[in-house]
PDB file of N, CA and C in Angstrom:
ATOM      1  N   MET A   1     -54.808  53.880 -32.421  1.00  0.00           N
ATOM      2  CA  MET A   1     -54.644  52.562 -31.846  1.00  0.00           C
ATOM      3  C   MET A   1     -55.987  51.831 -31.740  1.00  0.00           C
ATOM      4  N   GLU A   2     -57.066  52.609 -31.561  1.00  0.00           N
ATOM      5  CA  GLU A   2     -58.380  51.985 -31.452  1.00  0.00           C
ATOM      6  C   GLU A   2     -58.795  51.314 -32.752  1.00  0.00           C
ATOM      7  N   ILE A   3     -58.349  51.867 -33.880  1.00  0.00           N
ATOM      8  CA  ILE A   3     -58.683  51.268 -35.178  1.00  0.00           C
ATOM      9  C   ILE A   3     -58.021  49.903 -35.315  1.00  0.00           C
ATOM     10  N   VAL A   4     -56.774  49.785 -34.901  1.00  0.00           N
ATOM     11  CA  VAL A   4     -56.065  48.498 -34.979  1.00  0.00           C
ATOM     12  C   VAL A   4     -56.734  47.474 -34.068  1.00  0.00           C
ATOM     13  N   MET A   5     -57.112  47.917 -32.873  1.00  0.00           N
ATOM     14  CA  MET A   5     -57.798  47.007 -31.946  1.00  0.00           C
ATOM     15  C   MET A   5     -59.162  46.596 -32.497  1.00  0.00           C
ATOM     16  N   SER A   6     -59.863  47.513 -33.144  1.00  0.00           N
ATOM     17  CA  SER A   6     -61.168  47.186 -33.726  1.00  0.00           C
ATOM     18  C   SER A   6     -61.026  46.155 -34.834  1.00  0.00           C
ATOM     19  N   VAL A   7     -59.998  46.269 -35.650  1.00  0.00           N
ATOM     20  CA  VAL A   7     -59.758  45.282 -36.705  1.00  0.00           C
ATOM     21  C   VAL A   7     -59.399  43.927 -36.091  1.00  0.00           C
ATOM     22  N   ALA A   8     -58.581  43.945 -35.054  1.00  0.00           N
ATOM     23  CA  ALA A   8     -58.217  42.687 -34.386  1.00  0.00           C
ATOM     24  C   ALA A   8     -59.438  42.027 -33.750  1.00  0.00           C
ATOM     25  N   ILE A   9     -60.308  42.831 -33.151  1.00  0.00           N
ATOM     26  CA  ILE A   9     -61.531  42.295 -32.550  1.00  0.00           C
ATOM     27  C   ILE A   9     -62.417  41.684 -33.629  1.00  0.00           C
ATOM     28  N   GLY A  10     -62.556  42.387 -34.748  1.00  0.00           N
ATOM     29  CA  GLY A  10     -63.353  41.872 -35.853  1.00  0.00           C
ATOM     30  C   GLY A  10     -62.810  40.567 -36.395  1.00  0.00           C
ATOM     31  N   LEU A  11     -61.487  40.466 -36.526  1.00  0.00           N
ATOM     32  CA  LEU A  11     -60.875  39.220 -37.013  1.00  0.00           C
ATOM     33  C   LEU A  11     -61.086  38.076 -36.022  1.00  0.00           C
ATOM     34  N   LEU A  12     -60.964  38.362 -34.736  1.00  0.00           N
ATOM     35  CA  LEU A  12     -61.202  37.322 -33.732  1.00  0.00           C
ATOM     36  C   LEU A  12     -62.652  36.850 -33.756  1.00  0.00           C
ATOM     37  N   PHE A  13     -63.591  37.791 -33.855  1.00  0.00           N
ATOM     38  CA  PHE A  13     -65.000  37.408 -33.935  1.00  0.00           C
ATOM     39  C   PHE A  13     -65.288  36.606 -35.202  1.00  0.00           C
ATOM     40  N   MET A  14     -64.679  37.018 -36.329  1.00  0.00           N
ATOM     41  CA  MET A  14     -64.892  36.315 -37.588  1.00  0.00           C
ATOM     42  C   MET A  14     -64.372  34.878 -37.498  1.00  0.00           C
ATOM     43  N   ALA A  15     -63.163  34.708 -36.981  1.00  0.00           N
ATOM     44  CA  ALA A  15     -62.596  33.365 -36.848  1.00  0.00           C
ATOM     45  C   ALA A  15     -63.400  32.522 -35.866  1.00  0.00           C
ATOM     46  N   ALA A  16     -63.891  33.145 -34.798  1.00  0.00           N
ATOM     47  CA  ALA A  16     -64.670  32.419 -33.793  1.00  0.00           C
ATOM     48  C   ALA A  16     -65.985  31.913 -34.368  1.00  0.00           C
ATOM     49  N   VAL A  17     -66.667  32.754 -35.120  1.00  0.00           N
ATOM     50  CA  VAL A  17     -67.934  32.327 -35.719  1.00  0.00           C
ATOM     51  C   VAL A  17     -67.699  31.222 -36.730  1.00  0.00           C
ATOM     52  N   TYR A  18     -66.635  31.348 -37.526  1.00  0.00           N
ATOM     53  CA  TYR A  18     -66.314  30.307 -38.506  1.00  0.00           C
ATOM     54  C   TYR A  18     -66.047  28.963 -37.812  1.00  0.00           C
ATOM     55  N   LEU A  19     -65.276  28.992 -36.736  1.00  0.00           N
ATOM     56  CA  LEU A  19     -64.965  27.752 -36.031  1.00  0.00           C
ATOM     57  C   LEU A  19     -66.179  27.185 -35.312  1.00  0.00           C
ATOM     58  N   MET A  20     -67.030  28.048 -34.778  1.00  0.00           N
ATOM     59  CA  MET A  20     -68.196  27.562 -34.046  1.00  0.00           C
ATOM     60  C   MET A  20     -69.257  26.974 -34.975  1.00  0.00           C
ATOM     61  N   LEU A  21     -69.205  27.287 -36.249  1.00  0.00           N
ATOM     62  CA  LEU A  21     -70.160  26.733 -37.200  1.00  0.00           C
ATOM     63  C   LEU A  21     -69.688  25.418 -37.817  1.00  0.00           C
ATOM     64  N   SER A  22     -68.531  24.919 -37.403  1.00  0.00           N
ATOM     65  CA  SER A  22     -68.022  23.667 -37.956  1.00  0.00           C
ATOM     66  C   SER A  22     -68.647  22.469 -37.240  1.00  0.00           C
ATOM     67  N   LYS A  23     -68.339  21.280 -37.737  1.00  0.00           N
ATOM     68  CA  LYS A  23     -68.934  20.057 -37.192  1.00  0.00           C
ATOM     69  C   LYS A  23     -68.083  19.394 -36.120  1.00  0.00           C
ATOM     70  N   SER A  24     -66.841  19.805 -35.992  1.00  0.00           N
ATOM     71  CA  SER A  24     -65.949  19.192 -35.015  1.00  0.00           C
ATOM     72  C   SER A  24     -66.116  19.871 -33.656  1.00  0.00           C
ATOM     73  N   LEU A  25     -66.229  19.073 -32.621  1.00  0.00           N
ATOM     74  CA  LEU A  25     -66.466  19.598 -31.276  1.00  0.00           C
ATOM     75  C   LEU A  25     -65.266  20.394 -30.766  1.00  0.00           C
ATOM     76  N   ILE A  26     -64.051  19.954 -31.071  1.00  0.00           N
ATOM     77  CA  ILE A  26     -62.863  20.665 -30.598  1.00  0.00           C
ATOM     78  C   ILE A  26     -62.742  22.020 -31.289  1.00  0.00           C
ATOM     79  N   ARG A  27     -63.148  22.111 -32.557  1.00  0.00           N
ATOM     80  CA  ARG A  27     -63.125  23.403 -33.252  1.00  0.00           C
ATOM     81  C   ARG A  27     -64.162  24.355 -32.660  1.00  0.00           C
ATOM     82  N   ILE A  28     -65.269  23.821 -32.208  1.00  0.00           N
ATOM     83  CA  ILE A  28     -66.287  24.653 -31.559  1.00  0.00           C
ATOM     84  C   ILE A  28     -65.743  25.211 -30.247  1.00  0.00           C
ATOM     85  N   ILE A  29     -65.014  24.392 -29.514  1.00  0.00           N
ATOM     86  CA  ILE A  29     -64.430  24.850 -28.245  1.00  0.00           C
ATOM     87  C   ILE A  29     -63.370  25.917 -28.497  1.00  0.00           C
ATOM     88  N   ILE A  30     -62.541  25.730 -29.515  1.00  0.00           N
ATOM     89  CA  ILE A  30     -61.545  26.751 -29.859  1.00  0.00           C
ATOM     90  C   ILE A  30     -62.240  28.038 -30.288  1.00  0.00           C
ATOM     91  N   GLY A  31     -63.354  27.903 -31.013  1.00  0.00           N
ATOM     92  CA  GLY A  31     -64.117  29.076 -31.425  1.00  0.00           C
ATOM     93  C   GLY A  31     -64.678  29.853 -30.248  1.00  0.00           C
ATOM     94  N   THR A  32     -65.160  29.151 -29.226  1.00  0.00           N
ATOM     95  CA  THR A  32     -65.658  29.862 -28.048  1.00  0.00           C
ATOM     96  C   THR A  32     -64.516  30.556 -27.298  1.00  0.00           C
ATOM     97  N   GLY A  33     -63.340  29.947 -27.313  1.00  0.00           N
ATOM     98  CA  GLY A  33     -62.178  30.607 -26.704  1.00  0.00           C
ATOM     99  C   GLY A  33     -61.798  31.876 -27.444  1.00  0.00           C
ATOM    100  N   LEU A  34     -61.809  31.814 -28.775  1.00  0.00           N
ATOM    101  CA  LEU A  34     -61.502  33.010 -29.562  1.00  0.00           C
ATOM    102  C   LEU A  34     -62.568  34.085 -29.367  1.00  0.00           C
ATOM    103  N   LEU A  35     -63.813  33.661 -29.244  1.00  0.00           N
ATOM    104  CA  LEU A  35     -64.887  34.625 -29.008  1.00  0.00           C
ATOM    105  C   LEU A  35     -64.705  35.339 -27.671  1.00  0.00           C
ATOM    106  N   SER A  36     -64.295  34.594 -26.658  1.00  0.00           N
ATOM    107  CA  SER A  36     -64.070  35.231 -25.358  1.00  0.00           C
ATOM    108  C   SER A  36     -62.875  36.188 -25.411  1.00  0.00           C
ATOM    109  N   HIS A  37     -61.822  35.827 -26.147  1.00  0.00           N
ATOM    110  CA  HIS A  37     -60.681  36.739 -26.289  1.00  0.00           C
ATOM    111  C   HIS A  37     -61.090  38.010 -27.025  1.00  0.00           C
ATOM    112  N   GLY A  38     -61.930  37.871 -28.041  1.00  0.00           N
ATOM    113  CA  GLY A  38     -62.434  39.055 -28.736  1.00  0.00           C
ATOM    114  C   GLY A  38     -63.263  39.934 -27.815  1.00  0.00           C
ATOM    115  N   ALA A  39     -64.061  39.323 -26.949  1.00  0.00           N
ATOM    116  CA  ALA A  39     -64.856  40.104 -25.992  1.00  0.00           C
ATOM    117  C   ALA A  39     -63.958  40.816 -24.984  1.00  0.00           C
ATOM    118  N   HIS A  40     -62.869  40.169 -24.579  1.00  0.00           N
ATOM    119  CA  HIS A  40     -61.934  40.815 -23.651  1.00  0.00           C
ATOM    120  C   HIS A  40     -61.295  42.038 -24.294  1.00  0.00           C
ATOM    121  N   LEU A  41     -60.876  41.886 -25.553  1.00  0.00           N
ATOM    122  CA  LEU A  41     -60.293  43.034 -26.242  1.00  0.00           C
ATOM    123  C   LEU A  41     -61.327  44.134 -26.454  1.00  0.00           C
ATOM    124  N   LEU A  42     -62.571  43.749 -26.704  1.00  0.00           N
ATOM    125  CA  LEU A  42     -63.632  44.737 -26.879  1.00  0.00           C
ATOM    126  C   LEU A  42     -63.843  45.533 -25.595  1.00  0.00           C
ATOM    127  N   LEU A  43     -63.868  44.855 -24.455  1.00  0.00           N
ATOM    128  CA  LEU A  43     -64.005  45.563 -23.180  1.00  0.00           C
ATOM    129  C   LEU A  43     -62.821  46.496 -22.920  1.00  0.00           C
ATOM    130  N   LEU A  44     -61.631  46.029 -23.245  1.00  0.00           N
ATOM    131  CA  LEU A  44     -60.443  46.845 -23.030  1.00  0.00           C
ATOM    132  C   LEU A  44     -60.463  48.077 -23.928  1.00  0.00           C
ATOM    133  N   THR A  45     -60.862  47.909 -25.173  1.00  0.00           N
ATOM    134  CA  THR A  45     -60.897  49.030 -26.105  1.00  0.00           C
ATOM    135  C   THR A  45     -61.998  50.020 -25.738  1.00  0.00           C
ATOM    136  N   MET A  46     -63.147  49.515 -25.310  1.00  0.00           N
ATOM    137  CA  MET A  46     -64.236  50.412 -24.920  1.00  0.00           C
ATOM    138  C   MET A  46     -63.886  51.208 -23.661  1.00  0.00           C
ATOM    139  N   GLY A  47     -63.072  50.642 -22.798  1.00  0.00           N
ATOM    140  CA  GLY A  47     -62.656  51.337 -21.585  1.00  0.00           C
ATOM    141  C   GLY A  47     -61.640  52.428 -21.851  1.00  0.00           C
ATOM    142  N   GLY A  48     -61.084  52.448 -23.040  1.00  0.00           N
ATOM    143  CA  GLY A  48     -60.090  53.457 -23.383  1.00  0.00           C
ATOM    144  C   GLY A  48     -58.688  52.915 -23.200  1.00  0.00           C
ATOM    145  N   LEU A  49     -57.848  53.194 -24.168  1.00  0.00           N
ATOM    146  CA  LEU A  49     -56.478  52.694 -24.115  1.00  0.00           C
ATOM    147  C   LEU A  49     -55.509  53.714 -23.542  1.00  0.00           C
ATOM    148  N   GLY A  50     -55.978  54.915 -23.247  1.00  0.00           N
ATOM    149  CA  GLY A  50     -55.116  55.964 -22.721  1.00  0.00           C
ATOM    150  C   GLY A  50     -54.850  55.784 -21.247  1.00  0.00           C
ATOM    151  N   GLY A  51     -54.103  56.692 -20.704  1.00  0.00           N
ATOM    152  CA  GLY A  51     -53.793  56.659 -19.282  1.00  0.00           C
ATOM    153  C   GLY A  51     -52.450  56.026 -19.039  1.00  0.00           C
ATOM    154  N   THR A  52     -51.528  56.824 -18.547  1.00  0.00           N
ATOM    155  CA  THR A  52     -50.181  56.299 -18.313  1.00  0.00           C
ATOM    156  C   THR A  52     -49.878  56.145 -16.829  1.00  0.00           C
ATOM    157  N   ALA A  53     -50.582  56.862 -15.999  1.00  0.00           N
ATOM    158  CA  ALA A  53     -50.316  56.803 -14.556  1.00  0.00           C
ATOM    159  C   ALA A  53     -51.168  55.714 -13.922  1.00  0.00           C
ATOM    160  N   PRO A  54     -50.669  55.063 -12.890  1.00  0.00           N
ATOM    161  CA  PRO A  54     -51.493  54.074 -12.187  1.00  0.00           C
ATOM    162  C   PRO A  54     -52.647  54.773 -11.472  1.00  0.00           C
ATOM    163  N   PRO A  55     -53.742  54.046 -11.214  1.00  0.00           N
ATOM    164  CA  PRO A  55     -54.910  54.681 -10.592  1.00  0.00           C
ATOM    165  C   PRO A  55     -54.734  54.936  -9.094  1.00  0.00           C
ATOM    166  N   VAL A  56     -53.676  55.630  -8.734  1.00  0.00           N
ATOM    167  CA  VAL A  56     -53.396  55.981  -7.344  1.00  0.00           C
ATOM    168  C   VAL A  56     -53.283  57.496  -7.286  1.00  0.00           C
ATOM    169  N   VAL A  57     -53.962  58.091  -6.325  1.00  0.00           N
ATOM    170  CA  VAL A  57     -53.941  59.547  -6.211  1.00  0.00           C
ATOM    171  C   VAL A  57     -52.553  59.994  -5.770  1.00  0.00           C
ATOM    172  N   ALA A  58     -51.976  60.878  -6.569  1.00  0.00           N
ATOM    173  CA  ALA A  58     -50.653  61.405  -6.252  1.00  0.00           C
ATOM    174  C   ALA A  58     -50.613  62.882  -6.637  1.00  0.00           C
ATOM    175  N   ASP A  59     -49.697  63.591  -6.076  1.00  0.00           N
ATOM    176  CA  ASP A  59     -49.558  65.016  -6.385  1.00  0.00           C
ATOM    177  C   ASP A  59     -48.892  65.179  -7.744  1.00  0.00           C
ATOM    178  N   GLY A  60     -49.374  66.137  -8.518  1.00  0.00           N
ATOM    179  CA  GLY A  60     -48.736  66.464  -9.789  1.00  0.00           C
ATOM    180  C   GLY A  60     -49.241  65.669 -10.979  1.00  0.00           C
ATOM    181  N   VAL A  61     -50.216  64.812 -10.806  1.00  0.00           N
ATOM    182  CA  VAL A  61     -50.759  64.027 -11.910  1.00  0.00           C
ATOM    183  C   VAL A  61     -52.197  64.461 -12.125  1.00  0.00           C
ATOM    184  N   SER A  62     -52.528  64.834 -13.351  1.00  0.00           N
ATOM    185  CA  SER A  62     -53.897  65.279 -13.621  1.00  0.00           C
ATOM    186  C   SER A  62     -54.831  64.079 -13.729  1.00  0.00           C
ATOM    187  N   VAL A  63     -56.120  64.352 -13.605  1.00  0.00           N
ATOM    188  CA  VAL A  63     -57.123  63.289 -13.594  1.00  0.00           C
ATOM    189  C   VAL A  63     -57.192  62.588 -14.945  1.00  0.00           C
ATOM    190  N   SER A  64     -56.886  63.296 -16.035  1.00  0.00           N
ATOM    191  CA  SER A  64     -56.994  62.688 -17.367  1.00  0.00           C
ATOM    192  C   SER A  64     -55.863  61.703 -17.653  1.00  0.00           C
ATOM    193  N   ASP A  65     -54.803  61.714 -16.851  1.00  0.00           N
ATOM    194  CA  ASP A  65     -53.672  60.810 -17.085  1.00  0.00           C
ATOM    195  C   ASP A  65     -53.820  59.459 -16.406  1.00  0.00           C
ATOM    196  N   TYR A  66     -54.826  59.309 -15.544  1.00  0.00           N
ATOM    197  CA  TYR A  66     -55.000  58.055 -14.824  1.00  0.00           C
ATOM    198  C   TYR A  66     -55.530  56.954 -15.740  1.00  0.00           C
ATOM    199  N   ALA A  67     -55.094  55.741 -15.500  1.00  0.00           N
ATOM    200  CA  ALA A  67     -55.653  54.573 -16.178  1.00  0.00           C
ATOM    201  C   ALA A  67     -56.902  54.144 -15.424  1.00  0.00           C
ATOM    202  N   ASP A  68     -57.966  53.853 -16.146  1.00  0.00           N
ATOM    203  CA  ASP A  68     -59.228  53.458 -15.519  1.00  0.00           C
ATOM    204  C   ASP A  68     -59.128  52.000 -15.060  1.00  0.00           C
ATOM    205  N   PRO A  69     -59.282  51.691 -13.782  1.00  0.00           N
ATOM    206  CA  PRO A  69     -59.129  50.313 -13.306  1.00  0.00           C
ATOM    207  C   PRO A  69     -60.369  49.450 -13.517  1.00  0.00           C
ATOM    208  N   LEU A  70     -61.532  50.041 -13.795  1.00  0.00           N
ATOM    209  CA  LEU A  70     -62.755  49.259 -13.923  1.00  0.00           C
ATOM    210  C   LEU A  70     -62.739  48.294 -15.113  1.00  0.00           C
ATOM    211  N   PRO A  71     -62.344  48.730 -16.329  1.00  0.00           N
ATOM    212  CA  PRO A  71     -62.284  47.749 -17.429  1.00  0.00           C
ATOM    213  C   PRO A  71     -61.285  46.625 -17.170  1.00  0.00           C
ATOM    214  N   GLN A  72     -60.199  46.942 -16.499  1.00  0.00           N
ATOM    215  CA  GLN A  72     -59.218  45.909 -16.192  1.00  0.00           C
ATOM    216  C   GLN A  72     -59.786  44.890 -15.219  1.00  0.00           C
ATOM    217  N   ALA A  73     -60.553  45.338 -14.258  1.00  0.00           N
ATOM    218  CA  ALA A  73     -61.182  44.418 -13.305  1.00  0.00           C
ATOM    219  C   ALA A  73     -62.237  43.563 -14.006  1.00  0.00           C
ATOM    220  N   LEU A  74     -63.001  44.158 -14.902  1.00  0.00           N
ATOM    221  CA  LEU A  74     -64.003  43.399 -15.655  1.00  0.00           C
ATOM    222  C   LEU A  74     -63.350  42.341 -16.532  1.00  0.00           C
ATOM    223  N   ILE A  75     -62.251  42.704 -17.175  1.00  0.00           N
ATOM    224  CA  ILE A  75     -61.563  41.754 -18.047  1.00  0.00           C
ATOM    225  C   ILE A  75     -60.964  40.612 -17.230  1.00  0.00           C
ATOM    226  N   LEU A  76     -60.407  40.924 -16.072  1.00  0.00           N
ATOM    227  CA  LEU A  76     -59.855  39.871 -15.221  1.00  0.00           C
ATOM    228  C   LEU A  76     -60.934  38.888 -14.794  1.00  0.00           C
ATOM    229  N   THR A  77     -62.101  39.398 -14.440  1.00  0.00           N
ATOM    230  CA  THR A  77     -63.220  38.530 -14.078  1.00  0.00           C
ATOM    231  C   THR A  77     -63.670  37.700 -15.271  1.00  0.00           C
ATOM    232  N   ALA A  78     -63.738  38.322 -16.442  1.00  0.00           N
ATOM    233  CA  ALA A  78     -64.158  37.602 -17.646  1.00  0.00           C
ATOM    234  C   ALA A  78     -63.148  36.526 -18.038  1.00  0.00           C
ATOM    235  N   ILE A  79     -61.874  36.776 -17.823  1.00  0.00           N
ATOM    236  CA  ILE A  79     -60.845  35.773 -18.136  1.00  0.00           C
ATOM    237  C   ILE A  79     -61.019  34.549 -17.245  1.00  0.00           C
ATOM    238  N   VAL A  80     -61.270  34.763 -15.973  1.00  0.00           N
ATOM    239  CA  VAL A  80     -61.459  33.643 -15.052  1.00  0.00           C
ATOM    240  C   VAL A  80     -62.691  32.835 -15.430  1.00  0.00           C
ATOM    241  N   ILE A  81     -63.782  33.516 -15.755  1.00  0.00           N
ATOM    242  CA  ILE A  81     -65.008  32.821 -16.131  1.00  0.00           C
ATOM    243  C   ILE A  81     -64.828  32.062 -17.433  1.00  0.00           C
ATOM    244  N   SER A  82     -64.179  32.669 -18.420  1.00  0.00           N
ATOM    245  CA  SER A  82     -63.977  31.975 -19.698  1.00  0.00           C
ATOM    246  C   SER A  82     -63.030  30.786 -19.551  1.00  0.00           C
ATOM    247  N   PHE A  83     -62.049  30.887 -18.649  1.00  0.00           N
ATOM    248  CA  PHE A  83     -61.171  29.745 -18.386  1.00  0.00           C
ATOM    249  C   PHE A  83     -61.962  28.588 -17.790  1.00  0.00           C
ATOM    250  N   ALA A  84     -62.857  28.897 -16.856  1.00  0.00           N
ATOM    251  CA  ALA A  84     -63.665  27.845 -16.232  1.00  0.00           C
ATOM    252  C   ALA A  84     -64.606  27.201 -17.246  1.00  0.00           C
ATOM    253  N   VAL A  85     -65.227  28.005 -18.090  1.00  0.00           N
ATOM    254  CA  VAL A  85     -66.150  27.467 -19.095  1.00  0.00           C
ATOM    255  C   VAL A  85     -65.399  26.635 -20.129  1.00  0.00           C
ATOM    256  N   THR A  86     -64.243  27.106 -20.553  1.00  0.00           N
ATOM    257  CA  THR A  86     -63.441  26.350 -21.521  1.00  0.00           C
ATOM    258  C   THR A  86     -62.972  25.030 -20.921  1.00  0.00           C
ATOM    259  N   SER A  87     -62.569  25.051 -19.660  1.00  0.00           N
ATOM    260  CA  SER A  87     -62.165  23.809 -18.997  1.00  0.00           C
ATOM    261  C   SER A  87     -63.318  22.821 -18.933  1.00  0.00           C
ATOM    262  N   PHE A  88     -64.497  23.312 -18.601  1.00  0.00           N
ATOM    263  CA  PHE A  88     -65.672  22.447 -18.556  1.00  0.00           C
ATOM    264  C   PHE A  88     -65.987  21.873 -19.938  1.00  0.00           C
ATOM    265  N   PHE A  89     -65.922  22.707 -20.978  1.00  0.00           N
ATOM    266  CA  PHE A  89     -66.172  22.232 -22.349  1.00  0.00           C
ATOM    267  C   PHE A  89     -65.162  21.175 -22.764  1.00  0.00           C
ATOM    268  N   LEU A  90     -63.893  21.371 -22.394  1.00  0.00           N
ATOM    269  CA  LEU A  90     -62.870  20.389 -22.769  1.00  0.00           C
ATOM    270  C   LEU A  90     -63.095  19.052 -22.070  1.00  0.00           C
ATOM    271  N   VAL A  91     -63.443  19.082 -20.795  1.00  0.00           N
ATOM    272  CA  VAL A  91     -63.720  17.840 -20.078  1.00  0.00           C
ATOM    273  C   VAL A  91     -64.952  17.154 -20.649  1.00  0.00           C
ATOM    274  N   LEU A  92     -65.970  17.934 -20.964  1.00  0.00           N
ATOM    275  CA  LEU A  92     -67.184  17.385 -21.554  1.00  0.00           C
ATOM    276  C   LEU A  92     -66.907  16.767 -22.921  1.00  0.00           C
ATOM    277  N   ALA A  93     -66.084  17.422 -23.739  1.00  0.00           N
ATOM    278  CA  ALA A  93     -65.742  16.892 -25.055  1.00  0.00           C
ATOM    279  C   ALA A  93     -64.904  15.619 -24.927  1.00  0.00           C
ATOM    280  N   TYR A  94     -63.977  15.614 -23.975  1.00  0.00           N
ATOM    281  CA  TYR A  94     -63.147  14.424 -23.773  1.00  0.00           C
ATOM    282  C   TYR A  94     -64.004  13.228 -23.347  1.00  0.00           C
ATOM    283  N   ARG A  95     -64.938  13.492 -22.444  1.00  0.00           N
ATOM    284  CA  ARG A  95     -65.816  12.410 -21.975  1.00  0.00           C
ATOM    285  C   ARG A  95     -66.738  11.920 -23.089  1.00  0.00           C
ATOM    286  N   ALA A  96     -67.241  12.832 -23.909  1.00  0.00           N
ATOM    287  CA  ALA A  96     -68.085  12.441 -25.031  1.00  0.00           C
ATOM    288  C   ALA A  96     -67.289  11.635 -26.045  1.00  0.00           C
ATOM    289  N   TYR A  97     -66.027  12.019 -26.259  1.00  0.00           N
ATOM    290  CA  TYR A  97     -65.189  11.257 -27.184  1.00  0.00           C
ATOM    291  C   TYR A  97     -64.882   9.869 -26.630  1.00  0.00           C
ATOM    292  N   GLN A  98     -64.684   9.758 -25.325  1.00  0.00           N
ATOM    293  CA  GLN A  98     -64.444   8.454 -24.720  1.00  0.00           C
ATOM    294  C   GLN A  98     -65.656   7.541 -24.864  1.00  0.00           C
ATOM    295  N   GLU A  99     -66.828   8.083 -24.659  1.00  0.00           N
ATOM    296  CA  GLU A  99     -68.047   7.272 -24.703  1.00  0.00           C
ATOM    297  C   GLU A  99     -68.477   6.929 -26.119  1.00  0.00           C
ATOM    298  N   LEU A 100     -68.389   7.892 -27.022  1.00  0.00           N
ATOM    299  CA  LEU A 100     -68.956   7.712 -28.351  1.00  0.00           C
ATOM    300  C   LEU A 100     -67.919   7.483 -29.446  1.00  0.00           C
ATOM    301  N   GLY A 101     -66.660   7.799 -29.187  1.00  0.00           N
ATOM    302  CA  GLY A 101     -65.602   7.540 -30.152  1.00  0.00           C
ATOM    303  C   GLY A 101     -65.532   8.524 -31.301  1.00  0.00           C
ATOM    304  N   THR A 102     -66.210   9.650 -31.214  1.00  0.00           N
ATOM    305  CA  THR A 102     -66.159  10.648 -32.277  1.00  0.00           C
ATOM    306  C   THR A 102     -66.381  12.033 -31.684  1.00  0.00           C
ATOM    307  N   ASP A 103     -65.930  13.053 -32.430  1.00  0.00           N
ATOM    308  CA  ASP A 103     -66.225  14.429 -32.034  1.00  0.00           C
ATOM    309  C   ASP A 103     -67.023  15.150 -33.115  1.00  0.00           C
ATOM    310  N   ASN A 104     -67.547  14.406 -34.056  1.00  0.00           N
ATOM    311  CA  ASN A 104     -68.360  14.966 -35.126  1.00  0.00           C
ATOM    312  C   ASN A 104     -69.762  15.263 -34.578  1.00  0.00           C
ATOM    313  N   MET A 105     -70.204  16.491 -34.743  1.00  0.00           N
ATOM    314  CA  MET A 105     -71.496  16.892 -34.184  1.00  0.00           C
ATOM    315  C   MET A 105     -72.666  16.195 -34.880  1.00  0.00           C
ATOM    316  N   GLU A 106     -72.518  15.833 -36.139  1.00  0.00           N
ATOM    317  CA  GLU A 106     -73.589  15.123 -36.842  1.00  0.00           C
ATOM    318  C   GLU A 106     -73.783  13.726 -36.247  1.00  0.00           C
ATOM    319  N   LEU A 107     -72.692  13.081 -35.865  1.00  0.00           N
ATOM    320  CA  LEU A 107     -72.789  11.744 -35.270  1.00  0.00           C
ATOM    321  C   LEU A 107     -73.173  11.796 -33.791  1.00  0.00           C
ATOM    322  N   LEU A 108     -72.857  12.891 -33.124  1.00  0.00           N
ATOM    323  CA  LEU A 108     -73.221  13.028 -31.720  1.00  0.00           C
ATOM    324  C   LEU A 108     -74.707  13.320 -31.540  1.00  0.00           C
ATOM    325  N   ARG A 109     -75.360  13.777 -32.583  1.00  0.00           N
ATOM    326  CA  ARG A 109     -76.765  14.142 -32.484  1.00  0.00           C
ATOM    327  C   ARG A 109     -77.633  12.933 -32.166  1.00  0.00           C
ATOM    328  N   GLY A 110     -77.294  11.778 -32.720  1.00  0.00           N
ATOM    329  CA  GLY A 110     -78.079  10.565 -32.482  1.00  0.00           C
ATOM    330  C   GLY A 110     -79.257  10.478 -33.437  1.00  0.00           C
ATOM    331  N   THR A 111     -80.002   9.412 -33.309  1.00  0.00           N
ATOM    332  CA  THR A 111     -81.197   9.216 -34.156  1.00  0.00           C
ATOM    333  C   THR A 111     -82.389   8.957 -33.264  1.00  0.00           C
ATOM    334  N   GLU A 112     -83.557   9.021 -33.845  1.00  0.00           N
ATOM    335  CA  GLU A 112     -84.775   8.818 -33.067  1.00  0.00           C
ATOM    336  C   GLU A 112     -84.996   7.353 -32.736  1.00  0.00           C
ATOM    337  N   ASP A 113     -84.516   6.382 -33.568  1.00  0.00           N
ATOM    338  CA  ASP A 113     -84.760   4.975 -33.286  1.00  0.00           C
ATOM    339  C   ASP A 113     -83.794   4.419 -32.243  1.00  0.00           C
ATOM    340  N   TYR A 114     -82.822   5.205 -31.800  1.00  0.00           N
ATOM    341  CA  TYR A 114     -81.880   4.712 -30.794  1.00  0.00           C
ATOM    342  C   TYR A 114     -82.544   4.797 -29.421  1.00  0.00           C
ATOM    343  N   GLU A 115     -82.600   3.650 -28.719  1.00  0.00           N
ATOM    344  CA  GLU A 115     -83.200   3.646 -27.385  1.00  0.00           C
ATOM    345  C   GLU A 115     -82.398   2.822 -26.438  1.00  0.00           C
TER     346      GLU A 115
END
């Protein structure tokens, strides 16, 4: 199962880098979202996909059967942070589009003679 997750993580990272290298601001924002999803899957895979029992001490369950709660807590925190950053990027892009009328990064750069 780790091999399938590794391929999925690689595909998400590949798509994210491709989108982040484009000139459209909305594609860059989608790319950062895909990058964060790839990082979440990477944390989940590194934490181990095994463990069928909940992380509660009970009689008759060996220590190797427990699911590790630490990667899940890290991923939950990362999801909240990535949601906040994505929301901020979307508001910033919307405001830039309202002011400048474009989302092309080449046109948003400006020129030196503009004052």
